[in-house]
Amino acid sequence: AAGTDGSERVDLGVVATCARWFPDGSAILITDDAERASASPLRPAVIGTVNYRFGAVNIPAPLTTPGALQLHEALSRMQREGATDVVMETTSIALEQGRVAGCRFRVAGLTNVTQDHLDYHGTMDRYFQAKTILFRDLLTDDGVGVVFAHREDGRRMQPHIAGRALTLSLDPAVGADVQVVA
């Protein structure tokens, strides 16, 4: 949807039937059933590693987060097809390269900051700083930044959240807004 300031608004919501949690506190959200969430009034689209999809739209993904032009074309097409929300995997590389420029997010989630993209970012600090762009610059003022309170990277991200922070914890000894219980 178009934002009041002329930007594209990405209504980022996670509609998942399953999440795989790992001992380090990271998670993979499985969104294959997003389009089938028929009990919900939401009609979410997915932009991710394998493809960008909604309804009849299914575009193979050359990049996890597409380039700016392809992203805005996909968002426009998804909106025309009736998508109400978008679940988008937004990579640190895409954030640093400005691929999501012009987008605003209602919800942003940080699973972790690991050594995945050190080949691109060079240092853990530069990698972390790239991820802050989503929370500091692209999250709407009334948006929610979701971070893990039991992880150092989640606690470190909290002051960068432009909207409201929602903390999760897998460790009952760590205070959080939501305690995740297996």
C-alpha atoms as a PDB file:
ATOM      1  CA  ALA A   1       0.000   0.000   0.000  1.00  0.00           C
ATOM      2  CA  ALA A   2       1.191   3.507  -0.615  1.00  0.00           C
ATOM      3  CA  GLY A   3       2.237   5.415   2.479  1.00  0.00           C
ATOM      4  CA  THR A   4       1.061   8.963   3.133  1.00  0.00           C
ATOM      5  CA  ASP A   5       4.569  10.244   2.412  1.00  0.00           C
ATOM      6  CA  GLY A   6       4.592   8.625  -1.051  1.00  0.00           C
ATOM      7  CA  SER A   7       6.637   5.617   0.092  1.00  0.00           C
ATOM      8  CA  GLU A   8       5.599   2.003  -0.278  1.00  0.00           C
ATOM      9  CA  ARG A   9       4.376   0.622   3.021  1.00  0.00           C
ATOM     10  CA  VAL A  10       5.315  -2.995   3.597  1.00  0.00           C
ATOM     11  CA  ASP A  11       2.849  -4.448   6.065  1.00  0.00           C
ATOM     12  CA  LEU A  12       5.174  -7.101   7.340  1.00  0.00           C
ATOM     13  CA  GLY A  13       3.453  -9.812   9.298  1.00  0.00           C
ATOM     14  CA  VAL A  14       4.525 -13.351   9.962  1.00  0.00           C
ATOM     15  CA  VAL A  15       1.863 -15.912   9.184  1.00  0.00           C
ATOM     16  CA  ALA A  16       3.444 -19.268   9.842  1.00  0.00           C
ATOM     17  CA  THR A  17       2.101 -22.648  10.734  1.00  0.00           C
ATOM     18  CA  CYS A  18       5.422 -23.730  12.161  1.00  0.00           C
ATOM     19  CA  ALA A  19       8.708 -22.371  13.395  1.00  0.00           C
ATOM     20  CA  ARG A  20      11.904 -24.347  13.940  1.00  0.00           C
ATOM     21  CA  TRP A  21      13.765 -23.146  17.048  1.00  0.00           C
ATOM     22  CA  PHE A  22      17.470 -23.830  17.511  1.00  0.00           C
ATOM     23  CA  PRO A  23      19.476 -24.028  20.779  1.00  0.00           C
ATOM     24  CA  ASP A  24      21.201 -20.688  20.066  1.00  0.00           C
ATOM     25  CA  GLY A  25      17.807 -18.955  20.048  1.00  0.00           C
ATOM     26  CA  SER A  26      17.579 -18.459  16.300  1.00  0.00           C
ATOM     27  CA  ALA A  27      14.504 -19.531  14.375  1.00  0.00           C
ATOM     28  CA  ILE A  28      13.398 -20.312  10.872  1.00  0.00           C
ATOM     29  CA  LEU A  29       9.800 -19.341  10.202  1.00  0.00           C
ATOM     30  CA  ILE A  30       8.092 -21.621   7.724  1.00  0.00           C
ATOM     31  CA  THR A  31       5.721 -19.549   5.616  1.00  0.00           C
ATOM     32  CA  ASP A  32       4.650 -22.008   2.906  1.00  0.00           C
ATOM     33  CA  ASP A  33       1.105 -21.944   4.264  1.00  0.00           C
ATOM     34  CA  ALA A  34       0.850 -18.141   4.384  1.00  0.00           C
ATOM     35  CA  GLU A  35      -1.511 -17.958   1.429  1.00  0.00           C
ATOM     36  CA  ARG A  36      -3.745 -20.633   2.970  1.00  0.00           C
ATOM     37  CA  ALA A  37      -4.378 -18.756   6.210  1.00  0.00           C
ATOM     38  CA  SER A  38      -8.040 -18.629   5.265  1.00  0.00           C
ATOM     39  CA  ALA A  39      -9.245 -18.148   8.846  1.00  0.00           C
ATOM     40  CA  SER A  40      -7.582 -14.744   8.810  1.00  0.00           C
ATOM     41  CA  PRO A  41      -8.838 -11.667   6.945  1.00  0.00           C
ATOM     42  CA  LEU A  42      -5.216 -11.059   5.930  1.00  0.00           C
ATOM     43  CA  ARG A  43      -4.069 -12.072   2.470  1.00  0.00           C
ATOM     44  CA  PRO A  44      -0.285 -12.170   2.918  1.00  0.00           C
ATOM     45  CA  ALA A  45       2.272 -12.310   0.140  1.00  0.00           C
ATOM     46  CA  VAL A  46       5.766 -13.764   0.627  1.00  0.00           C
ATOM     47  CA  ILE A  47       9.071 -12.380  -0.630  1.00  0.00           C
ATOM     48  CA  GLY A  48      11.897 -14.733   0.262  1.00  0.00           C
ATOM     49  CA  THR A  49      14.793 -16.944  -0.675  1.00  0.00           C
ATOM     50  CA  VAL A  50      12.986 -19.290  -3.081  1.00  0.00           C
ATOM     51  CA  ASN A  51      10.377 -17.040  -4.690  1.00  0.00           C
ATOM     52  CA  TYR A  52       8.139 -14.010  -4.419  1.00  0.00           C
ATOM     53  CA  ARG A  53       4.546 -15.209  -4.323  1.00  0.00           C
ATOM     54  CA  PHE A  54       0.919 -14.384  -3.814  1.00  0.00           C
ATOM     55  CA  GLY A  55      -2.092 -16.037  -5.410  1.00  0.00           C
ATOM     56  CA  ALA A  56      -1.303 -16.553  -9.106  1.00  0.00           C
ATOM     57  CA  VAL A  57       1.889 -14.492  -8.810  1.00  0.00           C
ATOM     58  CA  ASN A  58       4.946 -16.724  -8.399  1.00  0.00           C
ATOM     59  CA  ILE A  59       8.249 -15.141  -9.397  1.00  0.00           C
ATOM     60  CA  PRO A  60      11.470 -17.178  -9.011  1.00  0.00           C
ATOM     61  CA  ALA A  61      13.858 -15.398  -6.632  1.00  0.00           C
ATOM     62  CA  PRO A  62      17.286 -14.577  -8.037  1.00  0.00           C
ATOM     63  CA  LEU A  63      18.008 -12.790  -4.728  1.00  0.00           C
ATOM     64  CA  THR A  64      16.457 -13.304  -1.285  1.00  0.00           C
ATOM     65  CA  THR A  65      15.562  -9.606  -1.200  1.00  0.00           C
ATOM     66  CA  PRO A  66      15.066  -8.328  -4.757  1.00  0.00           C
ATOM     67  CA  GLY A  67      16.596  -5.152  -6.136  1.00  0.00           C
ATOM     68  CA  ALA A  68      14.626  -1.945  -5.567  1.00  0.00           C
ATOM     69  CA  LEU A  69      12.948  -1.855  -8.986  1.00  0.00           C
ATOM     70  CA  GLN A  70      11.969  -5.543  -8.953  1.00  0.00           C
ATOM     71  CA  LEU A  71      10.810  -5.249  -5.320  1.00  0.00           C
ATOM     72  CA  HIS A  72       8.498  -2.308  -6.005  1.00  0.00           C
ATOM     73  CA  GLU A  73       7.168  -3.997  -9.169  1.00  0.00           C
ATOM     74  CA  ALA A  74       6.446  -7.173  -7.154  1.00  0.00           C
ATOM     75  CA  LEU A  75       4.786  -5.205  -4.314  1.00  0.00           C
ATOM     76  CA  SER A  76       2.627  -3.299  -6.799  1.00  0.00           C
ATOM     77  CA  ARG A  77       1.587  -6.488  -8.580  1.00  0.00           C
ATOM     78  CA  MET A  78       0.841  -8.258  -5.297  1.00  0.00           C
ATOM     79  CA  GLN A  79      -1.281  -5.334  -4.161  1.00  0.00           C
ATOM     80  CA  ARG A  80      -3.221  -5.348  -7.465  1.00  0.00           C
ATOM     81  CA  GLU A  81      -3.813  -9.088  -6.973  1.00  0.00           C
ATOM     82  CA  GLY A  82      -5.296  -8.421  -3.505  1.00  0.00           C
ATOM     83  CA  ALA A  83      -2.438  -8.931  -1.056  1.00  0.00           C
ATOM     84  CA  THR A  84      -3.085  -7.111   2.209  1.00  0.00           C
ATOM     85  CA  ASP A  85       0.280  -7.767   3.835  1.00  0.00           C
ATOM     86  CA  VAL A  86       3.780  -8.898   2.886  1.00  0.00           C
ATOM     87  CA  VAL A  87       6.151 -11.209   4.716  1.00  0.00           C
ATOM     88  CA  MET A  88       9.601 -10.302   3.417  1.00  0.00           C
ATOM     89  CA  GLU A  89      12.986 -11.729   4.244  1.00  0.00           C
ATOM     90  CA  THR A  90      15.076  -8.579   4.297  1.00  0.00           C
ATOM     91  CA  THR A  91      18.789  -9.314   4.200  1.00  0.00           C
ATOM     92  CA  SER A  92      21.528  -7.191   5.726  1.00  0.00           C
ATOM     93  CA  ILE A  93      23.113  -6.922   2.271  1.00  0.00           C
ATOM     94  CA  ALA A  94      19.841  -5.629   0.783  1.00  0.00           C
ATOM     95  CA  LEU A  95      19.550  -3.107   3.628  1.00  0.00           C
ATOM     96  CA  GLU A  96      23.086  -1.844   3.103  1.00  0.00           C
ATOM     97  CA  GLN A  97      22.625  -1.661  -0.679  1.00  0.00           C
ATOM     98  CA  GLY A  98      19.352   0.295  -0.365  1.00  0.00           C
ATOM     99  CA  ARG A  99      17.239  -2.371  -2.098  1.00  0.00           C
ATOM    100  CA  VAL A 100      14.303  -1.673   0.244  1.00  0.00           C
ATOM    101  CA  ALA A 101      14.560   2.105  -0.092  1.00  0.00           C
ATOM    102  CA  GLY A 102      11.092   3.643  -0.108  1.00  0.00           C
ATOM    103  CA  CYS A 103       9.599   0.848   2.009  1.00  0.00           C
ATOM    104  CA  ARG A 104       8.289   1.208   5.548  1.00  0.00           C
ATOM    105  CA  PHE A 105       7.747  -1.758   7.862  1.00  0.00           C
ATOM    106  CA  ARG A 106       5.082  -2.262  10.550  1.00  0.00           C
ATOM    107  CA  VAL A 107       6.921  -5.221  12.083  1.00  0.00           C
ATOM    108  CA  ALA A 108      10.595  -6.156  11.964  1.00  0.00           C
ATOM    109  CA  GLY A 109      12.107  -9.216  13.571  1.00  0.00           C
ATOM    110  CA  LEU A 110      15.732  -9.997  14.374  1.00  0.00           C
ATOM    111  CA  THR A 111      16.505 -13.694  14.666  1.00  0.00           C
ATOM    112  CA  ASN A 112      20.261 -13.355  15.081  1.00  0.00           C
ATOM    113  CA  VAL A 113      23.526 -11.783  13.976  1.00  0.00           C
ATOM    114  CA  THR A 114      25.969 -14.573  13.159  1.00  0.00           C
ATOM    115  CA  GLN A 115      28.959 -14.900  10.862  1.00  0.00           C
ATOM    116  CA  ASP A 116      26.774 -15.594   7.786  1.00  0.00           C
ATOM    117  CA  HIS A 117      27.649 -12.474   5.801  1.00  0.00           C
ATOM    118  CA  LEU A 118      31.123 -11.539   7.002  1.00  0.00           C
ATOM    119  CA  ASP A 119      32.379 -12.131   3.458  1.00  0.00           C
ATOM    120  CA  TYR A 120      30.312  -9.072   2.461  1.00  0.00           C
ATOM    121  CA  HIS A 121      30.313  -6.901   5.600  1.00  0.00           C
ATOM    122  CA  GLY A 122      33.863  -7.603   6.746  1.00  0.00           C
ATOM    123  CA  THR A 123      33.230  -7.286  10.486  1.00  0.00           C
ATOM    124  CA  MET A 124      30.522  -8.277  12.932  1.00  0.00           C
ATOM    125  CA  ASP A 125      30.001  -4.611  13.816  1.00  0.00           C
ATOM    126  CA  ARG A 126      29.409  -3.604  10.168  1.00  0.00           C
ATOM    127  CA  TYR A 127      27.047  -6.585   9.815  1.00  0.00           C
ATOM    128  CA  PHE A 128      25.109  -5.506  12.912  1.00  0.00           C
ATOM    129  CA  GLN A 129      25.001  -1.872  11.738  1.00  0.00           C
ATOM    130  CA  ALA A 130      23.498  -2.991   8.421  1.00  0.00           C
ATOM    131  CA  LYS A 131      20.695  -4.775  10.306  1.00  0.00           C
ATOM    132  CA  THR A 132      19.964  -1.667  12.386  1.00  0.00           C
ATOM    133  CA  ILE A 133      18.801   0.100   9.204  1.00  0.00           C
ATOM    134  CA  LEU A 134      15.583  -1.954   9.272  1.00  0.00           C
ATOM    135  CA  PHE A 135      14.795  -1.110  12.898  1.00  0.00           C
ATOM    136  CA  ARG A 136      16.084   2.482  13.014  1.00  0.00           C
ATOM    137  CA  ASP A 137      15.246   3.869   9.567  1.00  0.00           C
ATOM    138  CA  LEU A 138      12.511   1.730   8.003  1.00  0.00           C
ATOM    139  CA  LEU A 139      10.247   0.762  10.908  1.00  0.00           C
ATOM    140  CA  THR A 140       7.178   2.986  11.224  1.00  0.00           C
ATOM    141  CA  ASP A 141       6.850   5.070  14.392  1.00  0.00           C
ATOM    142  CA  ASP A 142       3.944   2.871  15.483  1.00  0.00           C
ATOM    143  CA  GLY A 143       5.727  -0.296  14.334  1.00  0.00           C
ATOM    144  CA  VAL A 144       7.051  -3.137  16.447  1.00  0.00           C
ATOM    145  CA  GLY A 145      10.614  -4.445  16.536  1.00  0.00           C
ATOM    146  CA  VAL A 146      10.766  -8.040  17.753  1.00  0.00           C
ATOM    147  CA  VAL A 147      14.034  -9.203  19.332  1.00  0.00           C
ATOM    148  CA  PHE A 148      15.236 -12.012  21.580  1.00  0.00           C
ATOM    149  CA  ALA A 149      15.986 -10.710  25.084  1.00  0.00           C
ATOM    150  CA  HIS A 150      18.123 -13.758  25.936  1.00  0.00           C
ATOM    151  CA  ARG A 151      20.502 -13.040  23.025  1.00  0.00           C
ATOM    152  CA  GLU A 152      23.172 -10.346  23.158  1.00  0.00           C
ATOM    153  CA  ASP A 153      22.382  -9.202  19.601  1.00  0.00           C
ATOM    154  CA  GLY A 154      18.701  -8.775  20.495  1.00  0.00           C
ATOM    155  CA  ARG A 155      19.506  -6.701  23.576  1.00  0.00           C
ATOM    156  CA  ARG A 156      21.969  -4.653  21.523  1.00  0.00           C
ATOM    157  CA  MET A 157      19.304  -3.944  18.859  1.00  0.00           C
ATOM    158  CA  GLN A 158      16.678  -2.662  21.310  1.00  0.00           C
ATOM    159  CA  PRO A 159      17.914   0.962  21.493  1.00  0.00           C
ATOM    160  CA  HIS A 160      17.812   1.167  17.675  1.00  0.00           C
ATOM    161  CA  ILE A 161      14.117   0.298  17.405  1.00  0.00           C
ATOM    162  CA  ALA A 162      12.202   3.330  16.105  1.00  0.00           C
ATOM    163  CA  GLY A 163       8.839   1.940  17.218  1.00  0.00           C
ATOM    164  CA  ARG A 164       7.950  -0.265  20.163  1.00  0.00           C
ATOM    165  CA  ALA A 165      10.181  -3.165  21.196  1.00  0.00           C
ATOM    166  CA  LEU A 166       8.653  -6.579  21.807  1.00  0.00           C
ATOM    167  CA  THR A 167      11.061  -8.946  23.509  1.00  0.00           C
ATOM    168  CA  LEU A 168      10.952 -12.738  23.404  1.00  0.00           C
ATOM    169  CA  SER A 169      12.966 -15.181  25.462  1.00  0.00           C
ATOM    170  CA  LEU A 170      13.593 -18.894  25.351  1.00  0.00           C
ATOM    171  CA  ASP A 171      15.259 -18.638  28.767  1.00  0.00           C
ATOM    172  CA  PRO A 172      12.790 -18.360  31.675  1.00  0.00           C
ATOM    173  CA  ALA A 173      15.513 -16.679  33.750  1.00  0.00           C
ATOM    174  CA  VAL A 174      15.609 -13.737  31.308  1.00  0.00           C
ATOM    175  CA  GLY A 175      12.780 -11.236  31.608  1.00  0.00           C
ATOM    176  CA  ALA A 176      10.870 -10.593  28.382  1.00  0.00           C
ATOM    177  CA  ASP A 177       7.464  -9.510  27.126  1.00  0.00           C
ATOM    178  CA  VAL A 178       6.888 -13.057  25.852  1.00  0.00           C
ATOM    179  CA  GLN A 179       8.385 -16.227  27.285  1.00  0.00           C
ATOM    180  CA  VAL A 180       8.597 -18.900  24.579  1.00  0.00           C
ATOM    181  CA  VAL A 181       7.745 -22.295  26.050  1.00  0.00           C
ATOM    182  CA  ALA A 182       8.454 -25.494  24.123  1.00  0.00           C
END
